[in-house]
Protein backbone atom coordinates (compact mmCIF):
# COMPACT_ATOMS: atom_id res chain seq x y z
CA MET A 1 -1.77 6.93 -8.15
CA ARG A 2 -4.15 4.02 -7.66
CA PRO A 3 -7.82 4.69 -8.12
CA LEU A 4 -8.89 3.98 -4.54
CA ASN A 5 -6.04 5.79 -2.76
CA GLY A 6 -7.58 7.69 0.14
CA ILE A 7 -10.48 5.25 0.61
CA THR A 8 -10.59 3.37 3.91
CA VAL A 9 -12.54 0.16 4.24
CA VAL A 10 -13.23 -1.40 7.63
CA THR A 11 -14.19 -5.01 7.35
CA LEU A 12 -15.57 -7.67 9.84
CA GLU A 13 -14.94 -10.60 7.72
CA HIS A 14 -14.13 -14.32 7.59
CA ALA A 15 -13.80 -17.14 5.08
CA ILE A 16 -13.84 -16.06 1.41
CA ALA A 17 -16.69 -13.84 0.06
CA ALA A 18 -15.98 -10.63 2.08
CA PRO A 19 -12.18 -11.08 2.15
CA PHE A 20 -12.07 -11.62 -1.60
CA ALA A 21 -14.06 -8.45 -2.14
CA THR A 22 -11.98 -6.30 0.15
CA ARG A 23 -8.65 -7.70 -1.09
CA GLN A 24 -9.61 -6.45 -4.56
CA LEU A 25 -10.38 -3.01 -3.05
CA ALA A 26 -6.94 -3.14 -1.47
CA ASP A 27 -5.47 -4.05 -4.93
CA LEU A 28 -6.91 -0.77 -6.17
CA GLY A 29 -5.23 1.22 -3.36
CA ALA A 30 -7.84 1.27 -0.61
CA ARG A 31 -6.73 0.99 2.94
CA VAL A 32 -8.42 -2.10 4.31
CA ILE A 33 -8.58 -2.54 8.07
CA LYS A 34 -9.51 -6.17 8.88
CA VAL A 35 -11.08 -6.52 12.33
CA GLU A 36 -10.32 -10.05 13.69
CA ARG A 37 -11.01 -11.90 16.89
CA PRO A 38 -8.09 -11.92 19.41
CA GLY A 39 -6.18 -15.21 19.53
CA VAL A 40 -7.77 -16.90 16.54
CA GLY A 41 -8.70 -14.29 13.99
CA ASP A 42 -10.42 -15.02 10.72
CA PHE A 43 -11.25 -18.72 10.98
CA ALA A 44 -9.87 -19.20 7.46
CA ARG A 45 -6.50 -18.79 8.91
CA GLY A 46 -6.92 -22.34 10.25
CA TYR A 47 -8.19 -24.06 7.08
CA ASP A 48 -4.89 -25.60 6.29
CA THR A 49 -1.10 -25.05 6.49
CA ARG A 50 -0.10 -25.50 2.81
CA VAL A 51 1.69 -22.13 2.19
CA ARG A 52 4.69 -22.58 4.42
CA GLY A 53 2.45 -23.08 7.47
CA LEU A 54 -0.21 -20.56 6.47
CA ALA A 55 -3.66 -21.24 5.02
CA SER A 56 -4.05 -21.22 1.32
CA HIS A 57 -7.40 -19.51 1.32
CA PHE A 58 -6.06 -16.75 3.73
CA VAL A 59 -2.98 -16.02 1.68
CA TRP A 60 -5.11 -15.72 -1.46
CA THR A 61 -7.62 -13.30 -0.12
CA ASN A 62 -5.92 -11.11 2.49
CA ARG A 63 -2.86 -9.44 1.15
CA SER A 64 -2.39 -5.65 1.49
CA LYS A 65 -4.60 -5.45 4.52
CA GLU A 66 -4.04 -4.31 8.17
CA SER A 67 -5.08 -6.72 10.93
CA LEU A 68 -6.71 -5.21 13.96
CA THR A 69 -7.73 -7.58 16.79
CA LEU A 70 -10.87 -6.61 18.79
CA ASP A 71 -13.15 -8.56 21.02
CA VAL A 72 -16.26 -6.88 19.84
CA LYS A 73 -18.17 -8.20 22.90
CA HIS A 74 -15.92 -6.01 25.07
CA ALA A 75 -17.53 -2.66 25.80
CA GLU A 76 -14.43 -0.61 24.99
CA ALA A 77 -13.56 -2.66 21.89
CA GLN A 78 -17.07 -1.79 20.59
CA SER A 79 -16.26 1.86 21.23
CA ILE A 80 -13.04 1.56 19.35
CA LEU A 81 -14.78 -0.08 16.42
CA GLN A 82 -17.49 2.64 16.32
CA ARG A 83 -14.85 5.33 16.43
CA LEU A 84 -12.88 3.74 13.70
CA ILE A 85 -15.89 3.49 11.40
CA LEU A 86 -17.29 6.92 12.12
CA GLU A 87 -13.97 8.75 12.02
CA GLN A 88 -12.18 6.99 9.21
CA ALA A 89 -14.31 4.55 7.14
CA ASP A 90 -15.71 5.20 3.76
CA VAL A 91 -16.94 1.65 3.48
CA LEU A 92 -17.95 -1.01 6.11
CA VAL A 93 -18.03 -4.59 4.85
CA GLN A 94 -19.33 -7.53 6.98
CA ASN A 95 -20.15 -11.14 6.47
CA LEU A 96 -20.92 -12.12 10.11
CA ALA A 97 -23.75 -14.39 11.07
CA PRO A 98 -27.19 -13.03 10.15
CA GLY A 99 -28.22 -10.23 12.52
CA ALA A 100 -24.84 -10.02 14.33
CA ALA A 101 -23.72 -6.77 12.84
CA ALA A 102 -27.08 -5.10 13.71
CA ARG A 103 -26.70 -6.29 17.33
CA LEU A 104 -23.34 -4.58 17.43
CA GLY A 105 -24.83 -1.35 16.23
CA LEU A 106 -23.32 -1.67 12.85
CA SER A 107 -26.37 -1.70 10.59
CA TYR A 108 -26.73 0.94 7.89
CA GLU A 109 -29.87 2.22 9.60
CA THR A 110 -27.90 2.88 12.78
CA LEU A 111 -24.74 4.29 11.21
CA ALA A 112 -26.06 6.35 8.32
CA PRO A 113 -27.67 9.11 10.33
CA ARG A 114 -24.39 9.67 12.02
CA LYS A 115 -22.30 9.37 8.79
CA PRO A 116 -24.40 9.85 5.76
CA GLY A 117 -21.59 9.17 3.32
CA LEU A 118 -20.85 5.74 4.61
CA ILE A 119 -21.30 2.73 2.35
CA VAL A 120 -22.30 -0.42 4.21
CA CYS A 121 -22.04 -3.78 2.44
CA ASP A 122 -23.62 -6.82 4.05
CA ILE A 123 -22.69 -10.19 2.49
CA SER A 124 -24.67 -13.26 3.55
CA GLY A 125 -25.91 -16.61 2.23
CA TYR A 126 -29.46 -15.65 1.56
CA GLY A 127 -29.90 -11.85 2.11
CA ASN A 128 -31.14 -9.70 4.89
CA ASP A 129 -34.80 -10.78 4.66
CA GLY A 130 -37.02 -13.61 3.47
CA PRO A 131 -37.64 -17.01 4.99
CA TYR A 132 -34.02 -18.25 4.52
CA ARG A 133 -32.39 -15.21 6.11
CA ASP A 134 -31.18 -16.99 9.25
CA LYS A 135 -30.06 -20.26 7.67
CA LYS A 136 -26.39 -21.01 7.78
CA ALA A 137 -24.74 -20.85 4.43
CA TYR A 138 -21.56 -22.41 3.21
CA ASP A 139 -20.27 -22.52 -0.27
CA LEU A 140 -21.23 -26.11 -1.07
CA LEU A 141 -24.72 -25.61 0.40
CA ILE A 142 -25.32 -22.58 -1.80
CA GLN A 143 -24.10 -24.46 -4.91
CA SER A 144 -26.76 -26.96 -4.05
CA GLU A 145 -29.55 -24.42 -3.37
CA ALA A 146 -28.74 -22.51 -6.50
CA GLY A 147 -29.15 -25.51 -8.67
CA PHE A 148 -25.46 -25.62 -9.64
CA LEU A 149 -24.98 -29.23 -8.59
CA SER A 150 -27.94 -30.37 -10.72
CA VAL A 151 -26.09 -29.40 -13.87
CA THR A 152 -22.48 -30.22 -12.85
CA GLY A 153 -20.89 -33.61 -12.68
CA THR A 154 -21.55 -36.84 -14.48
CA GLU A 155 -24.85 -38.49 -15.43
CA ASP A 156 -24.58 -40.59 -12.26
CA THR A 157 -22.98 -38.19 -9.79
CA PRO A 158 -23.49 -34.48 -9.21
CA SER A 159 -20.26 -32.57 -8.40
CA LYS A 160 -19.29 -29.36 -6.80
CA ALA A 161 -17.03 -26.88 -8.39
CA GLY A 162 -13.40 -27.16 -7.14
CA PRO A 163 -13.04 -23.44 -6.17
CA SER A 164 -15.61 -21.84 -3.81
CA ILE A 165 -17.63 -20.31 -6.60
CA ALA A 166 -20.62 -19.20 -4.54
CA ASP A 167 -18.26 -17.20 -2.25
CA ILE A 168 -16.36 -15.89 -5.31
CA ALA A 169 -19.49 -14.82 -7.02
CA ALA A 170 -20.76 -12.98 -3.91
CA GLY A 171 -17.32 -11.38 -3.47
CA MET A 172 -17.21 -10.13 -7.01
CA TYR A 173 -20.74 -8.64 -6.76
CA ALA A 174 -19.85 -6.96 -3.49
CA TYR A 175 -16.63 -5.63 -5.08
CA SER A 176 -18.38 -4.17 -8.11
CA SER A 177 -21.34 -2.83 -6.08
CA ILE A 178 -18.94 -1.03 -3.71
CA LEU A 179 -17.18 0.51 -6.66
CA ALA A 180 -20.51 1.67 -8.07
CA ALA A 181 -21.54 3.09 -4.70
CA LEU A 182 -18.35 5.07 -4.42
CA LEU A 183 -19.01 6.50 -7.83
CA GLN A 184 -22.56 7.37 -6.90
CA ARG A 185 -21.40 8.93 -3.69
CA GLY A 186 -19.14 11.11 -5.64
CA ILE A 187 -22.23 12.56 -7.35
CA THR A 188 -24.75 12.55 -4.52
CA GLY A 189 -22.51 12.85 -1.41
CA ARG A 190 -24.55 9.97 0.13
CA GLY A 191 -23.53 6.44 0.96
CA GLN A 192 -25.83 3.46 0.75
CA HIS A 193 -26.68 -0.01 1.89
CA LEU A 194 -25.64 -2.95 -0.21
CA ASP A 195 -27.25 -6.37 0.49
CA ILE A 196 -25.27 -9.09 -1.32
CA SER A 197 -26.43 -12.66 -1.18
CA MET A 198 -24.47 -15.71 -2.21
CA LEU A 199 -27.63 -17.48 -3.46
CA GLU A 200 -28.51 -14.64 -5.83
CA SER A 201 -24.94 -14.23 -6.97
CA LEU A 202 -24.65 -17.85 -7.99
CA VAL A 203 -28.10 -18.10 -9.40
CA GLU A 204 -27.08 -15.17 -11.70
CA TRP A 205 -23.98 -17.17 -12.72
CA THR A 206 -26.23 -20.23 -13.36
CA SER A 207 -28.74 -18.34 -15.51
CA TYR A 208 -27.79 -20.08 -18.74
CA PRO A 209 -29.06 -23.51 -17.55
CA LEU A 210 -31.88 -21.74 -15.78
CA TYR A 211 -33.09 -20.32 -19.16
CA TYR A 212 -32.32 -23.52 -20.94
CA ALA A 213 -34.89 -25.13 -18.63
CA PHE A 214 -37.29 -22.27 -19.12
CA ASP A 215 -41.05 -23.00 -18.96
CA GLY A 216 -40.69 -26.56 -17.76
CA GLN A 217 -38.19 -27.70 -20.41
CA PRO A 218 -35.56 -30.35 -19.46
CA PRO A 219 -32.37 -28.76 -17.93
CA PRO A 220 -28.94 -29.37 -19.51
CA PRO A 221 -27.71 -32.93 -18.57
CA ARG A 222 -24.65 -33.44 -16.45
CA THR A 223 -21.87 -34.34 -18.82
CA GLY A 224 -18.60 -34.23 -16.81
CA ALA A 225 -15.97 -32.16 -18.45
CA SER A 226 -17.83 -32.05 -21.72
CA HIS A 227 -20.15 -29.17 -22.64
CA ALA A 228 -23.80 -30.08 -21.99
CA THR A 229 -25.30 -28.37 -25.08
CA ILE A 230 -22.44 -27.93 -27.65
CA TYR A 231 -20.72 -30.90 -29.19
CA PRO A 232 -17.92 -31.85 -29.72
CA TYR A 233 -16.64 -29.74 -26.87
CA GLY A 234 -14.65 -31.40 -24.11
CA PRO A 235 -11.94 -33.95 -23.41
CA PHE A 236 -11.10 -36.84 -25.72
CA PRO A 237 -8.54 -39.72 -25.25
CA THR A 238 -5.55 -40.21 -27.56
CA GLY A 239 -3.61 -43.34 -28.37
CA ASP A 240 -0.79 -42.63 -25.85
CA GLY A 241 -3.17 -42.60 -22.87
CA LYS A 242 -3.33 -38.84 -22.74
CA THR A 243 -6.23 -36.46 -23.13
CA VAL A 244 -6.89 -33.51 -25.45
CA MET A 245 -9.45 -30.83 -24.87
CA PHE A 246 -11.07 -28.88 -27.71
CA GLY A 247 -14.35 -27.36 -28.81
CA LEU A 248 -16.21 -26.38 -31.92
CA GLN A 249 -18.58 -23.38 -32.18
CA ASN A 250 -20.00 -23.33 -35.70
CA GLU A 251 -20.43 -25.19 -38.95
CA ARG A 252 -17.32 -23.80 -40.59
CA GLU A 253 -15.27 -25.29 -37.82
CA TRP A 254 -17.19 -28.60 -38.10
CA ALA A 255 -16.26 -28.83 -41.79
CA GLN A 256 -12.60 -28.06 -41.00
CA PHE A 257 -12.66 -30.64 -38.15
CA CYS A 258 -14.07 -33.34 -40.48
CA ALA A 259 -11.50 -32.64 -43.26
CA LYS A 260 -8.33 -31.98 -41.29
CA VAL A 261 -8.70 -33.77 -37.95
CA LEU A 262 -10.95 -36.74 -38.60
CA ARG A 263 -9.79 -36.80 -42.23
CA GLN A 264 -13.28 -37.75 -43.35
CA PRO A 265 -14.52 -34.60 -45.17
CA GLU A 266 -17.80 -36.36 -46.20
CA LEU A 267 -18.98 -36.16 -42.54
CA ALA A 268 -19.39 -32.42 -42.97
CA THR A 269 -22.44 -33.02 -45.09
CA ASP A 270 -23.75 -35.99 -43.27
CA THR A 271 -27.34 -35.19 -42.19
CA ARG A 272 -26.87 -36.96 -38.88
CA PHE A 273 -24.42 -34.17 -37.89
CA ALA A 274 -25.89 -31.24 -39.70
CA GLY A 275 -25.94 -28.61 -37.02
CA ASN A 276 -24.99 -28.43 -33.34
CA ALA A 277 -28.39 -29.75 -32.15
CA GLN A 278 -28.01 -32.87 -34.32
CA ARG A 279 -24.50 -33.47 -33.07
CA VAL A 280 -25.57 -33.20 -29.46
CA ALA A 281 -28.38 -35.67 -30.17
CA ALA A 282 -25.79 -38.00 -31.82
CA ARG A 283 -23.18 -37.35 -29.13
CA ASP A 284 -22.24 -41.05 -28.72
CA GLU A 285 -21.71 -41.58 -32.43
CA VAL A 286 -19.63 -38.38 -32.78
CA ARG A 287 -17.42 -39.46 -29.84
CA ARG A 288 -16.95 -42.93 -31.33
CA LEU A 289 -15.65 -41.28 -34.56
CA ILE A 290 -13.31 -38.93 -32.71
CA VAL A 291 -11.92 -41.68 -30.39
CA ALA A 292 -11.29 -43.87 -33.39
CA ALA A 293 -9.47 -41.15 -35.27
CA PHE A 294 -7.25 -40.49 -32.28
CA ALA A 295 -6.54 -44.08 -31.39
CA ASP A 296 -3.38 -44.20 -33.42
CA LEU A 297 -2.23 -40.60 -32.50
CA THR A 298 -0.31 -39.26 -29.57
CA ALA A 299 -1.70 -36.26 -27.84
CA GLU A 300 0.90 -34.05 -29.51
CA GLN A 301 -0.06 -35.35 -32.96
CA ALA A 302 -3.80 -34.85 -32.27
CA ILE A 303 -3.09 -31.29 -31.22
CA GLU A 304 -1.09 -30.69 -34.44
CA ARG A 305 -4.15 -31.69 -36.48
CA ILE A 306 -6.47 -29.60 -34.28
CA GLU A 307 -4.19 -26.60 -34.56
CA ASP A 308 -3.97 -27.03 -38.36
CA ALA A 309 -7.77 -26.95 -38.52
CA GLN A 310 -7.76 -23.78 -36.41
CA ILE A 311 -9.95 -25.37 -33.73
CA ALA A 312 -9.76 -24.07 -30.17
CA ASN A 313 -7.95 -26.35 -27.83
CA ALA A 314 -6.36 -26.38 -24.45
CA GLN A 315 -4.04 -28.42 -22.16
CA VAL A 316 -5.62 -30.44 -19.31
CA ASN A 317 -3.33 -28.83 -16.71
CA ASP A 318 -2.93 -29.75 -13.11
CA MET A 319 -2.08 -27.15 -10.48
CA GLN A 320 1.65 -27.66 -10.84
CA ALA A 321 1.40 -27.00 -14.58
CA VAL A 322 -0.50 -23.80 -13.92
CA TRP A 323 2.31 -22.57 -11.64
CA ALA A 324 4.65 -23.05 -14.58
CA HIS A 325 2.25 -21.95 -17.31
CA PRO A 326 4.28 -20.48 -20.19
CA GLN A 327 1.68 -17.81 -21.00
CA LEU A 328 1.67 -16.47 -17.38
CA GLN A 329 5.46 -16.55 -17.40
CA ALA A 330 5.81 -14.73 -20.74
CA ARG A 331 3.35 -12.00 -19.61
CA ARG A 332 5.17 -11.67 -16.23
CA ARG A 333 2.07 -12.11 -14.27
CA TRP A 334 3.66 -13.41 -11.03
CA ARG A 335 4.86 -11.13 -8.21
CA GLN A 336 6.27 -11.84 -4.71
CA VAL A 337 4.07 -11.03 -1.68
CA ALA A 338 5.43 -10.93 1.79
CA THR A 339 3.98 -13.11 4.58
CA GLU A 340 5.03 -13.81 8.12
CA ALA A 341 6.39 -17.08 6.72
CA GLY A 342 8.37 -15.44 3.97
CA ALA A 343 7.64 -14.20 0.40
CA VAL A 344 5.27 -16.29 -1.79
CA PRO A 345 4.30 -15.82 -5.44
CA ALA A 346 0.96 -14.18 -6.18
CA LEU A 347 -0.77 -13.63 -9.50
CA LEU A 348 -1.20 -10.07 -10.56
CA PRO A 349 -4.88 -9.10 -10.63
CA PRO A 350 -6.32 -9.62 -14.19
CA GLY A 351 -6.35 -6.37 -16.27
CA SER A 352 -3.86 -4.00 -17.73
CA TRP A 353 -2.25 -1.45 -15.40
CA GLU A 354 -0.36 1.22 -17.29
CA ASP A 355 -0.03 4.03 -14.69
CA GLU A 356 0.71 2.19 -11.51
CA ALA A 357 0.73 -1.53 -10.66
CA PRO A 358 -1.84 -3.01 -8.31
CA ARG A 359 -0.99 -2.89 -4.69
CA MET A 360 0.29 -6.27 -3.64
CA ASP A 361 1.60 -5.69 -0.04
CA ALA A 362 2.08 -8.29 2.72
CA VAL A 363 -0.44 -10.73 4.04
CA PRO A 364 -0.83 -9.53 7.71
CA ALA A 365 -0.08 -11.51 10.76
CA LEU A 366 -2.91 -11.74 13.29
CA GLY A 367 -3.18 -8.30 15.07
CA GLN A 368 -0.10 -7.05 13.36
CA HIS A 369 -1.43 -3.47 13.11
CA THR A 370 -3.40 -3.27 16.28
CA ASP A 371 -1.03 -0.95 18.21
CA ALA A 372 -0.53 1.41 15.29
CA ILE A 373 -4.27 1.78 14.56
CA LEU A 374 -5.12 2.39 18.22
CA GLY A 375 -2.22 4.82 18.48
CA ALA A 376 -3.58 6.75 15.51
CA LEU A 377 -6.92 7.02 17.45
CA GLY A 378 -5.12 8.53 20.37
CA TYR A 379 -4.62 5.54 22.66
CA SER A 380 -1.41 5.58 24.69
CA ALA A 381 0.91 2.62 24.93
CA ALA A 382 -0.10 2.09 28.50
CA ARG A 383 -3.82 2.03 27.63
CA ILE A 384 -3.14 -0.38 24.72
CA ALA A 385 -1.27 -2.68 27.10
CA ALA A 386 -4.20 -2.54 29.48
CA LEU A 387 -6.70 -3.46 26.80
CA ARG A 388 -4.55 -6.36 25.82
CA ALA A 389 -4.38 -7.49 29.41
CA GLU A 390 -8.21 -7.37 29.41
CA SER A 391 -8.27 -9.44 26.22
CA ALA A 392 -10.20 -6.63 24.51
CA ILE A 393 -7.54 -6.62 21.74
């Protein structure tokens, strides 16, 4: 039995933050009913066609859900949605435009008196109040507002993160907050309102550079793929034109690195490099020593030395290498998930599952479950057909 079996989530969601949160609830066994616009659905369905004609973001964040199409501007569709929430939902999640859910009568303040046990989770760019409440918010814009761009990239060019980390951060806090609210409801019997903002989520994730710049001190510099405040820690070229990635964490490792990798043990006691702060200050000289030591080595030979010194290191993998990663293969972390375009591989959610594996059901086609959901609410086939003719579903 999965931990969220018997929990129903109704979600008005699009893009990444809310779908990522609710997909993880589905992984744990929750029934997730995804309300989508007739004809187009979640606009993430149209981001690209890279997964056998389906969108990569959508396939990633929407498995194991049921798709119900409703035009929420249609009076009877609004009634259907209200019934679904009040009769079946334990959790309502939404990341519509600011104020849109309230205008549909879906605010916690409106619903809680009618269903005190309901948990309502709002996900937005900036939160439900404050001067930025009504600003549009996309992932890259939040990376900018949260200061992430100021500490990411090269000295000359700020860079965004490749994945949508502001959305992912908000999705993770929504997910964990909903789990906590369900636990609390089990004690008190009451639901609650959760107000998750992308800005606050990413600022939390950026708190190390925030504290590093505390009280007016300079922030960490942008250093590309190298660590801004620990050195050496990052990518270094080898003589065969490849790159090795490694990092040091303490003085014992520095001594081992000097002796076994650089093969200059005297550098371990050189005052220029005595401690991480000094090595960061002498970053250019330390890099010159490493590049010189690797100039006559292949990447494989350099890694052999680094491994012999017991220094942490990693491959600089591209996406194709990750698909074939030997550790993921050895731990049997890939499963097949059905889609309307055929089965595709999907990574098992991180964590150890001893009793029952996570739920990894199909990615739904748009409106795939509409008739079944309405039928369970008591709608006849004829009435469902009429609603479809009216474009309500």
